[in-house]
């Protein structure tokens, strides 16, 4: 019975540490710009502005025909950037690691 109590206390301690760490991390925030080799793509840029600064995207996904598109760029530092355009203007930038 004593051994079981020790395991229970250790389990509770580990859970408390996990909860404390997970709540102390800041939530991810959307990006306002994307640094490219030819400049900085920013919210509000047109598709042609972004192509001029960053080159052609690695992948394009059309979400609602010509109204909404998502462009993907892979970088050498193992990051993936998603640029979302609506009606030809850059509306949102997100990144993740791969």
C-alpha atoms as a PDB file:
ATOM      1  CA  UNK A   1       0.000   0.000   0.000  1.00  0.00           C
ATOM      2  CA  UNK A   2       2.841   2.387   0.804  1.00  0.00           C
ATOM      3  CA  UNK A   3       4.438   1.886  -2.617  1.00  0.00           C
ATOM      4  CA  UNK A   4       1.150   2.723  -4.307  1.00  0.00           C
ATOM      5  CA  UNK A   5       0.904   6.024  -2.378  1.00  0.00           C
ATOM      6  CA  UNK A   6       4.393   7.024  -3.490  1.00  0.00           C
ATOM      7  CA  UNK A   7       3.503   6.339  -7.136  1.00  0.00           C
ATOM      8  CA  UNK A   8       0.340   8.382  -6.758  1.00  0.00           C
ATOM      9  CA  UNK A   9       2.214  11.367  -5.288  1.00  0.00           C
ATOM     10  CA  UNK A  10       4.852  11.202  -8.042  1.00  0.00           C
ATOM     11  CA  UNK A  11       2.135  11.051 -10.703  1.00  0.00           C
ATOM     12  CA  UNK A  12       0.363  14.094  -9.239  1.00  0.00           C
ATOM     13  CA  UNK A  13       3.675  15.972  -9.079  1.00  0.00           C
ATOM     14  CA  UNK A  14       4.435  15.205 -12.749  1.00  0.00           C
ATOM     15  CA  UNK A  15       0.942  16.293 -13.815  1.00  0.00           C
ATOM     16  CA  UNK A  16       1.294  19.574 -11.923  1.00  0.00           C
ATOM     17  CA  UNK A  17       4.614  20.287 -13.628  1.00  0.00           C
ATOM     18  CA  UNK A  18       3.099  19.493 -17.050  1.00  0.00           C
ATOM     19  CA  UNK A  19       0.092  21.755 -16.448  1.00  0.00           C
ATOM     20  CA  UNK A  20       2.322  24.587 -15.209  1.00  0.00           C
ATOM     21  CA  UNK A  21       4.614  24.371 -18.253  1.00  0.00           C
ATOM     22  CA  UNK A  22       1.793  24.133 -20.800  1.00  0.00           C
ATOM     23  CA  UNK A  23      -0.030  27.164 -19.406  1.00  0.00           C
ATOM     24  CA  UNK A  24       3.120  29.266 -19.181  1.00  0.00           C
ATOM     25  CA  UNK A  25       3.897  29.039 -22.921  1.00  0.00           C
ATOM     26  CA  UNK A  26       2.627  31.988 -24.968  1.00  0.00           C
ATOM     27  CA  UNK A  27       0.041  31.193 -27.633  1.00  0.00           C
ATOM     28  CA  UNK A  28       1.295  31.368 -31.239  1.00  0.00           C
ATOM     29  CA  UNK A  29       0.602  34.668 -32.970  1.00  0.00           C
ATOM     30  CA  UNK A  30       0.022  35.257 -36.669  1.00  0.00           C
ATOM     31  CA  UNK A  31       2.943  36.923 -38.410  1.00  0.00           C
ATOM     32  CA  UNK A  32       2.732  40.374 -39.991  1.00  0.00           C
ATOM     33  CA  UNK A  33       5.598  39.829 -42.435  1.00  0.00           C
ATOM     34  CA  UNK A  34       7.749  37.195 -44.136  1.00  0.00           C
ATOM     35  CA  UNK A  35      11.460  37.831 -44.834  1.00  0.00           C
ATOM     36  CA  UNK A  36      12.366  36.727 -48.359  1.00  0.00           C
ATOM     37  CA  UNK A  37      15.586  36.871 -50.326  1.00  0.00           C
ATOM     38  CA  UNK A  38      14.297  39.879 -52.289  1.00  0.00           C
ATOM     39  CA  UNK A  39      12.640  41.823 -49.469  1.00  0.00           C
ATOM     40  CA  UNK A  40       9.882  41.561 -46.900  1.00  0.00           C
ATOM     41  CA  UNK A  41       6.371  40.425 -47.821  1.00  0.00           C
ATOM     42  CA  UNK A  42       3.822  42.140 -45.580  1.00  0.00           C
ATOM     43  CA  UNK A  43       0.093  42.022 -44.959  1.00  0.00           C
ATOM     44  CA  UNK A  44      -1.616  44.048 -47.700  1.00  0.00           C
ATOM     45  CA  UNK A  45       0.924  43.226 -50.421  1.00  0.00           C
ATOM     46  CA  UNK A  46      -0.453  42.055 -53.757  1.00  0.00           C
ATOM     47  CA  UNK A  47       0.382  38.655 -55.239  1.00  0.00           C
ATOM     48  CA  UNK A  48       2.707  40.303 -57.760  1.00  0.00           C
ATOM     49  CA  UNK A  49       4.507  42.166 -54.924  1.00  0.00           C
ATOM     50  CA  UNK A  50       5.099  38.867 -53.110  1.00  0.00           C
ATOM     51  CA  UNK A  51       6.341  37.106 -56.275  1.00  0.00           C
ATOM     52  CA  UNK A  52       8.731  40.007 -56.899  1.00  0.00           C
ATOM     53  CA  UNK A  53      10.124  39.780 -53.340  1.00  0.00           C
ATOM     54  CA  UNK A  54       9.958  36.029 -52.682  1.00  0.00           C
ATOM     55  CA  UNK A  55       9.768  34.347 -56.068  1.00  0.00           C
ATOM     56  CA  UNK A  56       7.185  31.789 -57.112  1.00  0.00           C
ATOM     57  CA  UNK A  57       5.684  29.761 -54.238  1.00  0.00           C
ATOM     58  CA  UNK A  58       6.492  26.065 -53.792  1.00  0.00           C
ATOM     59  CA  UNK A  59       2.800  25.219 -53.784  1.00  0.00           C
ATOM     60  CA  UNK A  60      -0.496  27.037 -54.435  1.00  0.00           C
ATOM     61  CA  UNK A  61      -3.871  25.895 -53.094  1.00  0.00           C
ATOM     62  CA  UNK A  62      -6.990  27.568 -54.445  1.00  0.00           C
ATOM     63  CA  UNK A  63      -9.570  27.729 -51.669  1.00  0.00           C
ATOM     64  CA  UNK A  64     -12.462  29.538 -53.331  1.00  0.00           C
ATOM     65  CA  UNK A  65     -11.592  29.789 -56.997  1.00  0.00           C
ATOM     66  CA  UNK A  66      -9.887  33.066 -57.719  1.00  0.00           C
ATOM     67  CA  UNK A  67     -11.144  34.714 -54.509  1.00  0.00           C
ATOM     68  CA  UNK A  68      -8.892  32.966 -51.965  1.00  0.00           C
ATOM     69  CA  UNK A  69      -5.519  31.212 -52.311  1.00  0.00           C
ATOM     70  CA  UNK A  70      -2.905  29.812 -49.963  1.00  0.00           C
ATOM     71  CA  UNK A  71       0.731  29.918 -51.045  1.00  0.00           C
ATOM     72  CA  UNK A  72       3.410  27.777 -49.393  1.00  0.00           C
ATOM     73  CA  UNK A  73       7.112  28.605 -49.159  1.00  0.00           C
ATOM     74  CA  UNK A  74       9.742  26.211 -47.771  1.00  0.00           C
ATOM     75  CA  UNK A  75      12.887  27.812 -46.357  1.00  0.00           C
ATOM     76  CA  UNK A  76      16.398  26.443 -45.826  1.00  0.00           C
ATOM     77  CA  UNK A  77      16.041  26.755 -42.038  1.00  0.00           C
ATOM     78  CA  UNK A  78      13.301  24.063 -42.119  1.00  0.00           C
ATOM     79  CA  UNK A  79      10.352  26.424 -41.851  1.00  0.00           C
ATOM     80  CA  UNK A  80       7.162  26.362 -43.846  1.00  0.00           C
ATOM     81  CA  UNK A  81       5.356  29.645 -44.447  1.00  0.00           C
ATOM     82  CA  UNK A  82       1.710  29.837 -45.461  1.00  0.00           C
ATOM     83  CA  UNK A  83       0.625  33.070 -47.126  1.00  0.00           C
ATOM     84  CA  UNK A  84      -3.111  33.473 -47.541  1.00  0.00           C
ATOM     85  CA  UNK A  85      -4.450  35.839 -50.183  1.00  0.00           C
ATOM     86  CA  UNK A  86      -7.980  37.098 -50.557  1.00  0.00           C
ATOM     87  CA  UNK A  87      -8.956  38.962 -53.719  1.00  0.00           C
ATOM     88  CA  UNK A  88      -5.272  39.273 -54.642  1.00  0.00           C
ATOM     89  CA  UNK A  89      -4.096  40.843 -51.351  1.00  0.00           C
ATOM     90  CA  UNK A  90      -2.013  39.165 -48.636  1.00  0.00           C
ATOM     91  CA  UNK A  91      -4.331  38.718 -45.634  1.00  0.00           C
ATOM     92  CA  UNK A  92      -2.563  36.249 -43.340  1.00  0.00           C
ATOM     93  CA  UNK A  93       0.899  34.768 -42.739  1.00  0.00           C
ATOM     94  CA  UNK A  94       1.585  31.673 -40.622  1.00  0.00           C
ATOM     95  CA  UNK A  95       4.668  29.528 -40.137  1.00  0.00           C
ATOM     96  CA  UNK A  96       5.574  26.108 -38.807  1.00  0.00           C
ATOM     97  CA  UNK A  97       8.663  23.947 -38.701  1.00  0.00           C
ATOM     98  CA  UNK A  98       9.041  20.723 -40.666  1.00  0.00           C
END
